Amino acid sequence: MRNIPVDVSALTFVCVSPPRPKVINKDTGEVRVDRDGNTVFTVGLSAADESGRVELLTVAVSGVPDITVGQVVRPVGLVGSPWEREFGGRLRWGIAYRAAQIVPEAPTAVPEPGDGSVSAAA
């Protein structure tokens, strides 16, 4: 399967569902681990572009990211992997997303009143 890098520079990501361990067997509760033995978590993110178009993504990441719902975040090393599989006689397909990390976005500075950066109308 080929990993396709995703350019996140023109997108704004918001955490819309908390990190949860990625369950690979619902009957046993077995969770996915990476090569190093770290638990893989899935996080729901919304991705908005400058025109206001929004997509919802589920992103896998090793280790629990320190983020909360509603927080603006940045996926580091985000890649998409196309997949297709037959379920119940029907062909399904999609893109699986994975990131090296999901980190909180640095807050933007809000100018303080009177600091000279905002001019008041007379």
PDB file of N, CA and C in Angstrom:
ATOM      1  N   MET A   1       0.849  -1.173   0.000  1.00  0.00           N
ATOM      2  CA  MET A   1       0.000   0.000   0.000  1.00  0.00           C
ATOM      3  C   MET A   1       0.896   1.238   0.000  1.00  0.00           C
ATOM      4  N   ARG A   2       0.561   2.197  -0.829  1.00  0.00           N
ATOM      5  CA  ARG A   2       1.359   3.408  -0.960  1.00  0.00           C
ATOM      6  C   ARG A   2       0.857   4.490  -0.017  1.00  0.00           C
ATOM      7  N   ASN A   3       1.785   5.140   0.697  1.00  0.00           N
ATOM      8  CA  ASN A   3       1.448   6.268   1.556  1.00  0.00           C
ATOM      9  C   ASN A   3       1.624   7.556   0.767  1.00  0.00           C
ATOM     10  N   ILE A   4       0.595   8.397   0.766  1.00  0.00           N
ATOM     11  CA  ILE A   4       0.627   9.655   0.042  1.00  0.00           C
ATOM     12  C   ILE A   4       0.707  10.794   1.052  1.00  0.00           C
ATOM     13  N   PRO A   5       1.776  11.600   1.024  1.00  0.00           N
ATOM     14  CA  PRO A   5       1.885  12.720   1.965  1.00  0.00           C
ATOM     15  C   PRO A   5       0.780  13.739   1.744  1.00  0.00           C
ATOM     16  N   VAL A   6       0.260  14.290   2.833  1.00  0.00           N
ATOM     17  CA  VAL A   6      -0.799  15.290   2.774  1.00  0.00           C
ATOM     18  C   VAL A   6      -0.205  16.642   3.163  1.00  0.00           C
ATOM     19  N   ASP A   7      -0.374  17.645   2.289  1.00  0.00           N
ATOM     20  CA  ASP A   7       0.087  19.003   2.578  1.00  0.00           C
ATOM     21  C   ASP A   7      -0.946  19.660   3.492  1.00  0.00           C
ATOM     22  N   VAL A   8      -0.579  19.878   4.744  1.00  0.00           N
ATOM     23  CA  VAL A   8      -1.509  20.427   5.730  1.00  0.00           C
ATOM     24  C   VAL A   8      -1.378  21.944   5.872  1.00  0.00           C
ATOM     25  N   SER A   9      -0.504  22.574   5.087  1.00  0.00           N
ATOM     26  CA  SER A   9      -0.213  23.996   5.281  1.00  0.00           C
ATOM     27  C   SER A   9      -1.405  24.908   5.033  1.00  0.00           C
ATOM     28  N   ALA A  10      -2.339  24.542   4.168  1.00  0.00           N
ATOM     29  CA  ALA A  10      -3.490  25.403   3.867  1.00  0.00           C
ATOM     30  C   ALA A  10      -4.760  24.926   4.552  1.00  0.00           C
ATOM     31  N   LEU A  11      -4.624  24.050   5.540  1.00  0.00           N
ATOM     32  CA  LEU A  11      -5.782  23.493   6.236  1.00  0.00           C
ATOM     33  C   LEU A  11      -5.745  23.845   7.713  1.00  0.00           C
ATOM     34  N   THR A  12      -6.935  23.967   8.303  1.00  0.00           N
ATOM     35  CA  THR A  12      -7.062  24.151   9.746  1.00  0.00           C
ATOM     36  C   THR A  12      -7.740  22.911  10.296  1.00  0.00           C
ATOM     37  N   PHE A  13      -7.114  22.278  11.279  1.00  0.00           N
ATOM     38  CA  PHE A  13      -7.630  21.054  11.870  1.00  0.00           C
ATOM     39  C   PHE A  13      -8.144  21.326  13.277  1.00  0.00           C
ATOM     40  N   VAL A  14      -9.299  20.748  13.594  1.00  0.00           N
ATOM     41  CA  VAL A  14      -9.877  20.840  14.933  1.00  0.00           C
ATOM     42  C   VAL A  14     -10.188  19.422  15.394  1.00  0.00           C
ATOM     43  N   CYS A  15      -9.846  19.121  16.634  1.00  0.00           N
ATOM     44  CA  CYS A  15     -10.153  17.813  17.216  1.00  0.00           C
ATOM     45  C   CYS A  15     -11.660  17.752  17.480  1.00  0.00           C
ATOM     46  N   VAL A  16     -12.347  16.763  16.887  1.00  0.00           N
ATOM     47  CA  VAL A  16     -13.798  16.642  17.054  1.00  0.00           C
ATOM     48  C   VAL A  16     -14.201  15.382  17.829  1.00  0.00           C
ATOM     49  N   SER A  17     -13.262  14.470  18.049  1.00  0.00           N
ATOM     50  CA  SER A  17     -13.532  13.322  18.924  1.00  0.00           C
ATOM     51  C   SER A  17     -12.240  12.961  19.635  1.00  0.00           C
ATOM     52  N   PRO A  18     -12.339  12.562  20.899  1.00  0.00           N
ATOM     53  CA  PRO A  18     -11.141  12.345  21.700  1.00  0.00           C
ATOM     54  C   PRO A  18     -10.340  11.134  21.224  1.00  0.00           C
ATOM     55  N   PRO A  19      -9.043  11.109  21.555  1.00  0.00           N
ATOM     56  CA  PRO A  19      -8.224   9.950  21.207  1.00  0.00           C
ATOM     57  C   PRO A  19      -8.775   8.689  21.880  1.00  0.00           C
ATOM     58  N   ARG A  20      -8.873   7.622  21.089  1.00  0.00           N
ATOM     59  CA  ARG A  20      -9.332   6.325  21.606  1.00  0.00           C
ATOM     60  C   ARG A  20      -8.421   5.243  21.063  1.00  0.00           C
ATOM     61  N   PRO A  21      -8.125   4.213  21.853  1.00  0.00           N
ATOM     62  CA  PRO A  21      -7.313   3.106  21.324  1.00  0.00           C
ATOM     63  C   PRO A  21      -8.007   2.485  20.109  1.00  0.00           C
ATOM     64  N   LYS A  22      -7.218   2.153  19.092  1.00  0.00           N
ATOM     65  CA  LYS A  22      -7.756   1.551  17.880  1.00  0.00           C
ATOM     66  C   LYS A  22      -7.990   0.053  18.129  1.00  0.00           C
ATOM     67  N   VAL A  23      -9.245  -0.332  18.168  1.00  0.00           N
ATOM     68  CA  VAL A  23      -9.614  -1.724  18.437  1.00  0.00           C
ATOM     69  C   VAL A  23      -9.563  -2.491  17.121  1.00  0.00           C
ATOM     70  N   ILE A  24      -8.834  -3.636  17.119  1.00  0.00           N
ATOM     71  CA  ILE A  24      -8.756  -4.436  15.899  1.00  0.00           C
ATOM     72  C   ILE A  24      -9.617  -5.690  15.988  1.00  0.00           C
ATOM     73  N   ASN A  25     -10.059  -6.030  17.205  1.00  0.00           N
ATOM     74  CA  ASN A  25     -10.955  -7.174  17.362  1.00  0.00           C
ATOM     75  C   ASN A  25     -12.008  -6.805  18.400  1.00  0.00           C
ATOM     76  N   LYS A  26     -13.224  -6.523  17.929  1.00  0.00           N
ATOM     77  CA  LYS A  26     -14.296  -6.100  18.839  1.00  0.00           C
ATOM     78  C   LYS A  26     -14.696  -7.199  19.818  1.00  0.00           C
ATOM     79  N   ASP A  27     -14.550  -8.453  19.422  1.00  0.00           N
ATOM     80  CA  ASP A  27     -14.929  -9.566  20.300  1.00  0.00           C
ATOM     81  C   ASP A  27     -13.987  -9.711  21.484  1.00  0.00           C
ATOM     82  N   THR A  28     -12.689  -9.525  21.244  1.00  0.00           N
ATOM     83  CA  THR A  28     -11.708  -9.703  22.320  1.00  0.00           C
ATOM     84  C   THR A  28     -11.257  -8.385  22.941  1.00  0.00           C
ATOM     85  N   GLY A  29     -11.529  -7.272  22.255  1.00  0.00           N
ATOM     86  CA  GLY A  29     -11.082  -5.975  22.756  1.00  0.00           C
ATOM     87  C   GLY A  29      -9.618  -5.704  22.454  1.00  0.00           C
ATOM     88  N   GLU A  30      -9.002  -6.523  21.607  1.00  0.00           N
ATOM     89  CA  GLU A  30      -7.590  -6.354  21.264  1.00  0.00           C
ATOM     90  C   GLU A  30      -7.385  -5.019  20.554  1.00  0.00           C
ATOM     91  N   VAL A  31      -6.344  -4.296  20.982  1.00  0.00           N
ATOM     92  CA  VAL A  31      -6.041  -2.998  20.376  1.00  0.00           C
ATOM     93  C   VAL A  31      -4.779  -3.106  19.535  1.00  0.00           C
ATOM     94  N   ARG A  32      -4.700  -2.237  18.522  1.00  0.00           N
ATOM     95  CA  ARG A  32      -3.532  -2.222  17.634  1.00  0.00           C
ATOM     96  C   ARG A  32      -2.349  -1.586  18.357  1.00  0.00           C
ATOM     97  N   VAL A  33      -1.183  -2.171  18.116  1.00  0.00           N
ATOM     98  CA  VAL A  33       0.073  -1.603  18.601  1.00  0.00           C
ATOM     99  C   VAL A  33       1.015  -1.438  17.418  1.00  0.00           C
ATOM    100  N   ASP A  34       1.919  -0.460  17.518  1.00  0.00           N
ATOM    101  CA  ASP A  34       2.883  -0.251  16.438  1.00  0.00           C
ATOM    102  C   ASP A  34       4.081  -1.180  16.619  1.00  0.00           C
ATOM    103  N   ARG A  35       5.065  -1.034  15.771  1.00  0.00           N
ATOM    104  CA  ARG A  35       6.259  -1.897  15.812  1.00  0.00           C
ATOM    105  C   ARG A  35       7.020  -1.799  17.122  1.00  0.00           C
ATOM    106  N   ASP A  36       6.899  -0.649  17.788  1.00  0.00           N
ATOM    107  CA  ASP A  36       7.619  -0.440  19.041  1.00  0.00           C
ATOM    108  C   ASP A  36       6.794  -0.844  20.256  1.00  0.00           C
ATOM    109  N   GLY A  37       5.584  -1.365  20.028  1.00  0.00           N
ATOM    110  CA  GLY A  37       4.731  -1.790  21.133  1.00  0.00           C
ATOM    111  C   GLY A  37       3.851  -0.698  21.701  1.00  0.00           C
ATOM    112  N   ASN A  38       3.834   0.492  21.078  1.00  0.00           N
ATOM    113  CA  ASN A  38       2.986   1.596  21.535  1.00  0.00           C
ATOM    114  C   ASN A  38       1.563   1.391  21.032  1.00  0.00           C
ATOM    115  N   THR A  39       0.586   1.699  21.866  1.00  0.00           N
ATOM    116  CA  THR A  39      -0.809   1.617  21.453  1.00  0.00           C
ATOM    117  C   THR A  39      -1.095   2.651  20.379  1.00  0.00           C
ATOM    118  N   VAL A  40      -1.832   2.234  19.349  1.00  0.00           N
ATOM    119  CA  VAL A  40      -2.245   3.147  18.287  1.00  0.00           C
ATOM    120  C   VAL A  40      -3.610   3.709  18.665  1.00  0.00           C
ATOM    121  N   PHE A  41      -3.740   5.028  18.596  1.00  0.00           N
ATOM    122  CA  PHE A  41      -4.987   5.720  18.912  1.00  0.00           C
ATOM    123  C   PHE A  41      -5.588   6.280  17.632  1.00  0.00           C
ATOM    124  N   THR A  42      -6.910   6.439  17.622  1.00  0.00           N
ATOM    125  CA  THR A  42      -7.574   7.136  16.527  1.00  0.00           C
ATOM    126  C   THR A  42      -8.174   8.420  17.093  1.00  0.00           C
ATOM    127  N   VAL A  43      -8.118   9.463  16.274  1.00  0.00           N
ATOM    128  CA  VAL A  43      -8.617  10.775  16.666  1.00  0.00           C
ATOM    129  C   VAL A  43      -9.471  11.311  15.521  1.00  0.00           C
ATOM    130  N   GLY A  44     -10.642  11.838  15.834  1.00  0.00           N
ATOM    131  CA  GLY A  44     -11.482  12.469  14.824  1.00  0.00           C
ATOM    132  C   GLY A  44     -11.078  13.920  14.665  1.00  0.00           C
ATOM    133  N   LEU A  45     -10.785  14.313  13.429  1.00  0.00           N
ATOM    134  CA  LEU A  45     -10.397  15.690  13.138  1.00  0.00           C
ATOM    135  C   LEU A  45     -11.284  16.248  12.033  1.00  0.00           C
ATOM    136  N   SER A  46     -11.588  17.529  12.127  1.00  0.00           N
ATOM    137  CA  SER A  46     -12.190  18.225  10.991  1.00  0.00           C
ATOM    138  C   SER A  46     -11.057  18.981  10.316  1.00  0.00           C
ATOM    139  N   ALA A  47     -11.087  18.995   8.989  1.00  0.00           N
ATOM    140  CA  ALA A  47     -10.080  19.706   8.209  1.00  0.00           C
ATOM    141  C   ALA A  47     -10.810  20.720   7.337  1.00  0.00           C
ATOM    142  N   ALA A  48     -10.537  22.005   7.560  1.00  0.00           N
ATOM    143  CA  ALA A  48     -11.199  23.075   6.809  1.00  0.00           C
ATOM    144  C   ALA A  48     -10.171  23.804   5.956  1.00  0.00           C
ATOM    145  N   ASP A  49     -10.574  24.108   4.717  1.00  0.00           N
ATOM    146  CA  ASP A  49      -9.691  24.895   3.863  1.00  0.00           C
ATOM    147  C   ASP A  49     -10.143  26.357   3.880  1.00  0.00           C
ATOM    148  N   GLU A  50      -9.437  27.205   3.148  1.00  0.00           N
ATOM    149  CA  GLU A  50      -9.713  28.640   3.162  1.00  0.00           C
ATOM    150  C   GLU A  50     -11.079  28.994   2.598  1.00  0.00           C
ATOM    151  N   SER A  51     -11.642  28.133   1.750  1.00  0.00           N
ATOM    152  CA  SER A  51     -12.949  28.418   1.162  1.00  0.00           C
ATOM    153  C   SER A  51     -14.094  27.987   2.080  1.00  0.00           C
ATOM    154  N   GLY A  52     -13.768  27.344   3.194  1.00  0.00           N
ATOM    155  CA  GLY A  52     -14.786  26.915   4.144  1.00  0.00           C
ATOM    156  C   GLY A  52     -15.229  25.473   3.977  1.00  0.00           C
ATOM    157  N   ARG A  53     -14.666  24.756   3.007  1.00  0.00           N
ATOM    158  CA  ARG A  53     -15.001  23.346   2.827  1.00  0.00           C
ATOM    159  C   ARG A  53     -14.409  22.540   3.981  1.00  0.00           C
ATOM    160  N   VAL A  54     -15.229  21.660   4.557  1.00  0.00           N
ATOM    161  CA  VAL A  54     -14.798  20.883   5.725  1.00  0.00           C
ATOM    162  C   VAL A  54     -14.953  19.398   5.443  1.00  0.00           C
ATOM    163  N   GLU A  55     -13.936  18.636   5.795  1.00  0.00           N
ATOM    164  CA  GLU A  55     -13.971  17.177   5.706  1.00  0.00           C
ATOM    165  C   GLU A  55     -13.691  16.624   7.095  1.00  0.00           C
ATOM    166  N   LEU A  56     -14.282  15.481   7.393  1.00  0.00           N
ATOM    167  CA  LEU A  56     -14.009  14.795   8.649  1.00  0.00           C
ATOM    168  C   LEU A  56     -13.057  13.646   8.387  1.00  0.00           C
ATOM    169  N   LEU A  57     -12.025  13.546   9.208  1.00  0.00           N
ATOM    170  CA  LEU A  57     -11.017  12.497   9.061  1.00  0.00           C
ATOM    171  C   LEU A  57     -10.866  11.748  10.374  1.00  0.00           C
ATOM    172  N   THR A  58     -10.619  10.465  10.279  1.00  0.00           N
ATOM    173  CA  THR A  58     -10.178   9.698  11.431  1.00  0.00           C
ATOM    174  C   THR A  58      -8.708   9.426  11.200  1.00  0.00           C
ATOM    175  N   VAL A  59      -7.867   9.882  12.123  1.00  0.00           N
ATOM    176  CA  VAL A  59      -6.420   9.798  11.960  1.00  0.00           C
ATOM    177  C   VAL A  59      -5.851   8.881  13.036  1.00  0.00           C
ATOM    178  N   ALA A  60      -5.019   7.931  12.615  1.00  0.00           N
ATOM    179  CA  ALA A  60      -4.337   7.036  13.553  1.00  0.00           C
ATOM    180  C   ALA A  60      -2.993   7.648  13.926  1.00  0.00           C
ATOM    181  N   VAL A  61      -2.612   7.467  15.183  1.00  0.00           N
ATOM    182  CA  VAL A  61      -1.337   7.989  15.675  1.00  0.00           C
ATOM    183  C   VAL A  61      -0.854   7.074  16.805  1.00  0.00           C
ATOM    184  N   SER A  62       0.459   6.819  16.856  1.00  0.00           N
ATOM    185  CA  SER A  62       1.020   5.994  17.924  1.00  0.00           C
ATOM    186  C   SER A  62       1.165   6.812  19.190  1.00  0.00           C
ATOM    187  N   GLY A  63       0.713   6.251  20.296  1.00  0.00           N
ATOM    188  CA  GLY A  63       0.762   6.956  21.571  1.00  0.00           C
ATOM    189  C   GLY A  63      -0.396   7.926  21.686  1.00  0.00           C
ATOM    190  N   VAL A  64      -0.791   8.197  22.917  1.00  0.00           N
ATOM    191  CA  VAL A  64      -1.950   9.067  23.141  1.00  0.00           C
ATOM    192  C   VAL A  64      -1.544  10.531  22.976  1.00  0.00           C
ATOM    193  N   PRO A  65      -2.154  11.238  22.023  1.00  0.00           N
ATOM    194  CA  PRO A  65      -1.826  12.659  21.858  1.00  0.00           C
ATOM    195  C   PRO A  65      -2.443  13.490  22.979  1.00  0.00           C
ATOM    196  N   ASP A  66      -1.748  14.537  23.384  1.00  0.00           N
ATOM    197  CA  ASP A  66      -2.203  15.404  24.474  1.00  0.00           C
ATOM    198  C   ASP A  66      -3.055  16.524  23.891  1.00  0.00           C
ATOM    199  N   ILE A  67      -4.272  16.159  23.441  1.00  0.00           N
ATOM    200  CA  ILE A  67      -5.188  17.114  22.833  1.00  0.00           C
ATOM    201  C   ILE A  67      -6.588  16.880  23.373  1.00  0.00           C
ATOM    202  N   THR A  68      -7.455  17.887  23.200  1.00  0.00           N
ATOM    203  CA  THR A  68      -8.833  17.769  23.682  1.00  0.00           C
ATOM    204  C   THR A  68      -9.800  18.177  22.574  1.00  0.00           C
ATOM    205  N   VAL A  69     -11.039  17.767  22.719  1.00  0.00           N
ATOM    206  CA  VAL A  69     -12.077  18.108  21.749  1.00  0.00           C
ATOM    207  C   VAL A  69     -12.240  19.625  21.696  1.00  0.00           C
ATOM    208  N   GLY A  70     -12.328  20.157  20.483  1.00  0.00           N
ATOM    209  CA  GLY A  70     -12.478  21.593  20.276  1.00  0.00           C
ATOM    210  C   GLY A  70     -11.167  22.323  20.088  1.00  0.00           C
ATOM    211  N   GLN A  71     -10.071  21.652  20.330  1.00  0.00           N
ATOM    212  CA  GLN A  71      -8.758  22.279  20.230  1.00  0.00           C
ATOM    213  C   GLN A  71      -8.277  22.291  18.774  1.00  0.00           C
ATOM    214  N   VAL A  72      -7.683  23.410  18.358  1.00  0.00           N
ATOM    215  CA  VAL A  72      -7.057  23.494  17.039  1.00  0.00           C
ATOM    216  C   VAL A  72      -5.732  22.738  17.131  1.00  0.00           C
ATOM    217  N   VAL A  73      -5.516  21.812  16.191  1.00  0.00           N
ATOM    218  CA  VAL A  73      -4.342  20.934  16.246  1.00  0.00           C
ATOM    219  C   VAL A  73      -3.630  20.923  14.897  1.00  0.00           C
ATOM    220  N   ARG A  74      -2.453  20.308  14.897  1.00  0.00           N
ATOM    221  CA  ARG A  74      -1.681  20.147  13.658  1.00  0.00           C
ATOM    222  C   ARG A  74      -1.185  18.711  13.584  1.00  0.00           C
ATOM    223  N   PRO A  75      -1.652  17.956  12.573  1.00  0.00           N
ATOM    224  CA  PRO A  75      -1.097  16.618  12.382  1.00  0.00           C
ATOM    225  C   PRO A  75       0.282  16.721  11.732  1.00  0.00           C
ATOM    226  N   VAL A  76       1.272  16.085  12.320  1.00  0.00           N
ATOM    227  CA  VAL A  76       2.647  16.114  11.830  1.00  0.00           C
ATOM    228  C   VAL A  76       2.893  14.834  11.036  1.00  0.00           C
ATOM    229  N   GLY A  77       3.407  14.968   9.829  1.00  0.00           N
ATOM    230  CA  GLY A  77       3.703  13.795   9.007  1.00  0.00           C
ATOM    231  C   GLY A  77       2.451  13.046   8.565  1.00  0.00           C
ATOM    232  N   LEU A  78       1.391  13.783   8.232  1.00  0.00           N
ATOM    233  CA  LEU A  78       0.123  13.157   7.845  1.00  0.00           C
ATOM    234  C   LEU A  78       0.254  12.515   6.464  1.00  0.00           C
ATOM    235  N   VAL A  79      -0.172  11.260   6.373  1.00  0.00           N
ATOM    236  CA  VAL A  79      -0.190  10.536   5.100  1.00  0.00           C
ATOM    237  C   VAL A  79      -1.543   9.858   4.932  1.00  0.00           C
ATOM    238  N   GLY A  80      -1.933   9.672   3.688  1.00  0.00           N
ATOM    239  CA  GLY A  80      -3.151   8.942   3.362  1.00  0.00           C
ATOM    240  C   GLY A  80      -2.786   7.669   2.622  1.00  0.00           C
ATOM    241  N   SER A  81      -3.489   6.587   2.928  1.00  0.00           N
ATOM    242  CA  SER A  81      -3.256   5.307   2.265  1.00  0.00           C
ATOM    243  C   SER A  81      -4.569   4.799   1.693  1.00  0.00           C
ATOM    244  N   PRO A  82      -4.683   4.741   0.360  1.00  0.00           N
ATOM    245  CA  PRO A  82      -5.927   4.238  -0.217  1.00  0.00           C
ATOM    246  C   PRO A  82      -6.092   2.748   0.079  1.00  0.00           C
ATOM    247  N   TRP A  83      -7.342   2.337   0.267  1.00  0.00           N
ATOM    248  CA  TRP A  83      -7.624   0.916   0.520  1.00  0.00           C
ATOM    249  C   TRP A  83      -8.932   0.537  -0.169  1.00  0.00           C
ATOM    250  N   GLU A  84      -9.078  -0.762  -0.408  1.00  0.00           N
ATOM    251  CA  GLU A  84     -10.349  -1.294  -0.875  1.00  0.00           C
ATOM    252  C   GLU A  84     -10.472  -2.719  -0.366  1.00  0.00           C
ATOM    253  N   ARG A  85     -11.710  -3.096  -0.054  1.00  0.00           N
ATOM    254  CA  ARG A  85     -11.964  -4.408   0.539  1.00  0.00           C
ATOM    255  C   ARG A  85     -13.400  -4.798   0.248  1.00  0.00           C
ATOM    256  N   GLU A  86     -13.638  -6.080   0.181  1.00  0.00           N
ATOM    257  CA  GLU A  86     -14.993  -6.567  -0.025  1.00  0.00           C
ATOM    258  C   GLU A  86     -15.616  -6.905   1.326  1.00  0.00           C
ATOM    259  N   PHE A  87     -16.795  -6.327   1.593  1.00  0.00           N
ATOM    260  CA  PHE A  87     -17.555  -6.581   2.812  1.00  0.00           C
ATOM    261  C   PHE A  87     -18.935  -7.058   2.399  1.00  0.00           C
ATOM    262  N   GLY A  88     -19.305  -8.263   2.794  1.00  0.00           N
ATOM    263  CA  GLY A  88     -20.644  -8.757   2.501  1.00  0.00           C
ATOM    264  C   GLY A  88     -20.988  -8.739   1.027  1.00  0.00           C
ATOM    265  N   GLY A  89     -20.004  -9.018   0.173  1.00  0.00           N
ATOM    266  CA  GLY A  89     -20.255  -9.058  -1.251  1.00  0.00           C
ATOM    267  C   GLY A  89     -20.221  -7.709  -1.946  1.00  0.00           C
ATOM    268  N   ARG A  90     -19.956  -6.649  -1.196  1.00  0.00           N
ATOM    269  CA  ARG A  90     -19.890  -5.306  -1.787  1.00  0.00           C
ATOM    270  C   ARG A  90     -18.474  -4.753  -1.642  1.00  0.00           C
ATOM    271  N   LEU A  91     -17.979  -4.175  -2.714  1.00  0.00           N
ATOM    272  CA  LEU A  91     -16.657  -3.568  -2.693  1.00  0.00           C
ATOM    273  C   LEU A  91     -16.740  -2.204  -2.024  1.00  0.00           C
ATOM    274  N   ARG A  92     -15.891  -1.992  -1.019  1.00  0.00           N
ATOM    275  CA  ARG A  92     -15.819  -0.703  -0.323  1.00  0.00           C
ATOM    276  C   ARG A  92     -14.407  -0.178  -0.482  1.00  0.00           C
ATOM    277  N   TRP A  93     -14.267   1.135  -0.433  1.00  0.00           N
ATOM    278  CA  TRP A  93     -12.951   1.745  -0.552  1.00  0.00           C
ATOM    279  C   TRP A  93     -12.902   3.028   0.263  1.00  0.00           C
ATOM    280  N   GLY A  94     -11.699   3.501   0.501  1.00  0.00           N
ATOM    281  CA  GLY A  94     -11.532   4.739   1.247  1.00  0.00           C
ATOM    282  C   GLY A  94     -10.068   5.110   1.358  1.00  0.00           C
ATOM    283  N   ILE A  95      -9.804   6.050   2.234  1.00  0.00           N
ATOM    284  CA  ILE A  95      -8.438   6.482   2.512  1.00  0.00           C
ATOM    285  C   ILE A  95      -8.238   6.403   4.020  1.00  0.00           C
ATOM    286  N   ALA A  96      -7.206   5.677   4.438  1.00  0.00           N
ATOM    287  CA  ALA A  96      -6.838   5.597   5.851  1.00  0.00           C
ATOM    288  C   ALA A  96      -5.765   6.655   6.105  1.00  0.00           C
ATOM    289  N   TYR A  97      -5.944   7.443   7.163  1.00  0.00           N
ATOM    290  CA  TYR A  97      -4.993   8.500   7.486  1.00  0.00           C
ATOM    291  C   TYR A  97      -4.184   8.131   8.714  1.00  0.00           C
ATOM    292  N   ARG A  98      -2.895   8.479   8.668  1.00  0.00           N
ATOM    293  CA  ARG A  98      -2.001   8.239   9.795  1.00  0.00           C
ATOM    294  C   ARG A  98      -1.071   9.443   9.931  1.00  0.00           C
ATOM    295  N   ALA A  99      -0.745   9.788  11.168  1.00  0.00           N
ATOM    296  CA  ALA A  99       0.180  10.892  11.435  1.00  0.00           C
ATOM    297  C   ALA A  99       1.261  10.419  12.398  1.00  0.00           C
ATOM    298  N   ALA A 100       2.437  11.008  12.289  1.00  0.00           N
ATOM    299  CA  ALA A 100       3.507  10.708  13.239  1.00  0.00           C
ATOM    300  C   ALA A 100       3.141  11.261  14.616  1.00  0.00           C
ATOM    301  N   GLN A 101       2.481  12.435  14.635  1.00  0.00           N
ATOM    302  CA  GLN A 101       2.030  13.087  15.867  1.00  0.00           C
ATOM    303  C   GLN A 101       0.828  13.963  15.552  1.00  0.00           C
ATOM    304  N   ILE A 102       0.046  14.256  16.576  1.00  0.00           N
ATOM    305  CA  ILE A 102      -0.985  15.286  16.492  1.00  0.00           C
ATOM    306  C   ILE A 102      -0.728  16.205  17.671  1.00  0.00           C
ATOM    307  N   VAL A 103      -0.381  17.458  17.371  1.00  0.00           N
ATOM    308  CA  VAL A 103       0.025  18.389  18.418  1.00  0.00           C
ATOM    309  C   VAL A 103      -0.900  19.598  18.438  1.00  0.00           C
ATOM    310  N   PRO A 104      -1.051  20.231  19.608  1.00  0.00           N
ATOM    311  CA  PRO A 104      -1.844  21.469  19.672  1.00  0.00           C
ATOM    312  C   PRO A 104      -1.196  22.539  18.805  1.00  0.00           C
ATOM    313  N   GLU A 105      -2.026  23.291  18.104  1.00  0.00           N
ATOM    314  CA  GLU A 105      -1.525  24.403  17.288  1.00  0.00           C
ATOM    315  C   GLU A 105      -1.164  25.539  18.229  1.00  0.00           C
ATOM    316  N   ALA A 106      -0.081  26.230  17.916  1.00  0.00           N
ATOM    317  CA  ALA A 106       0.327  27.365  18.739  1.00  0.00           C
ATOM    318  C   ALA A 106      -0.755  28.431  18.658  1.00  0.00           C
ATOM    319  N   PRO A 107      -1.174  28.968  19.801  1.00  0.00           N
ATOM    320  CA  PRO A 107      -2.210  30.012  19.765  1.00  0.00           C
ATOM    321  C   PRO A 107      -1.699  31.262  19.061  1.00  0.00           C
ATOM    322  N   THR A 108      -2.608  31.949  18.375  1.00  0.00           N
ATOM    323  CA  THR A 108      -2.232  33.200  17.725  1.00  0.00           C
ATOM    324  C   THR A 108      -2.354  34.331  18.741  1.00  0.00           C
ATOM    325  N   ALA A 109      -1.453  35.263  18.643  1.00  0.00           N
ATOM    326  CA  ALA A 109      -1.434  36.377  19.588  1.00  0.00           C
ATOM    327  C   ALA A 109      -2.593  37.328  19.297  1.00  0.00           C
ATOM    328  N   VAL A 110      -3.287  37.723  20.352  1.00  0.00           N
ATOM    329  CA  VAL A 110      -4.367  38.692  20.245  1.00  0.00           C
ATOM    330  C   VAL A 110      -3.813  40.017  20.733  1.00  0.00           C
ATOM    331  N   PRO A 111      -3.882  41.079  19.925  1.00  0.00           N
ATOM    332  CA  PRO A 111      -3.316  42.364  20.348  1.00  0.00           C
ATOM    333  C   PRO A 111      -4.015  42.897  21.595  1.00  0.00           C
ATOM    334  N   GLU A 112      -3.225  43.422  22.496  1.00  0.00           N
ATOM    335  CA  GLU A 112      -3.750  44.048  23.710  1.00  0.00           C
ATOM    336  C   GLU A 112      -4.208  45.458  23.377  1.00  0.00           C
ATOM    337  N   PRO A 113      -5.266  45.927  24.018  1.00  0.00           N
ATOM    338  CA  PRO A 113      -5.712  47.324  23.773  1.00  0.00           C
ATOM    339  C   PRO A 113      -4.581  48.298  24.113  1.00  0.00           C
ATOM    340  N   GLY A 114      -4.378  49.259  23.220  1.00  0.00           N
ATOM    341  CA  GLY A 114      -3.387  50.306  23.501  1.00  0.00           C
ATOM    342  C   GLY A 114      -1.965  49.933  23.132  1.00  0.00           C
ATOM    343  N   ASP A 115      -1.746  48.758  22.477  1.00  0.00           N
ATOM    344  CA  ASP A 115      -0.369  48.396  22.140  1.00  0.00           C
ATOM    345  C   ASP A 115       0.068  48.980  20.794  1.00  0.00           C
ATOM    346  N   GLY A 116      -0.824  49.763  20.154  1.00  0.00           N
ATOM    347  CA  GLY A 116      -0.461  50.432  18.923  1.00  0.00           C
ATOM    348  C   GLY A 116      -0.708  49.606  17.673  1.00  0.00           C
ATOM    349  N   SER A 117      -1.055  48.332  17.809  1.00  0.00           N
ATOM    350  CA  SER A 117      -1.244  47.507  16.621  1.00  0.00           C
ATOM    351  C   SER A 117      -2.646  47.604  16.050  1.00  0.00           C
ATOM    352  N   VAL A 118      -3.571  48.153  16.813  1.00  0.00           N
ATOM    353  CA  VAL A 118      -4.947  48.319  16.340  1.00  0.00           C
ATOM    354  C   VAL A 118      -5.288  49.791  16.451  1.00  0.00           C
ATOM    355  N   SER A 119      -5.764  50.381  15.358  1.00  0.00           N
ATOM    356  CA  SER A 119      -6.106  51.798  15.433  1.00  0.00           C
ATOM    357  C   SER A 119      -7.604  51.940  15.672  1.00  0.00           C
ATOM    358  N   ALA A 120      -7.954  52.834  16.533  1.00  0.00           N
ATOM    359  CA  ALA A 120      -9.365  53.072  16.867  1.00  0.00           C
ATOM    360  C   ALA A 120      -9.920  54.123  15.922  1.00  0.00           C
ATOM    361  N   ALA A 121     -11.160  53.947  15.521  1.00  0.00           N
ATOM    362  CA  ALA A 121     -11.808  54.931  14.646  1.00  0.00           C
ATOM    363  C   ALA A 121     -12.151  56.165  15.447  1.00  0.00           C
ATOM    364  N   ALA A 122     -11.917  57.343  14.859  1.00  0.00           N
ATOM    365  CA  ALA A 122     -12.168  58.601  15.575  1.00  0.00           C
ATOM    366  C   ALA A 122     -13.570  59.073  15.352  1.00  0.00           C
TER     367      ALA A 122
END
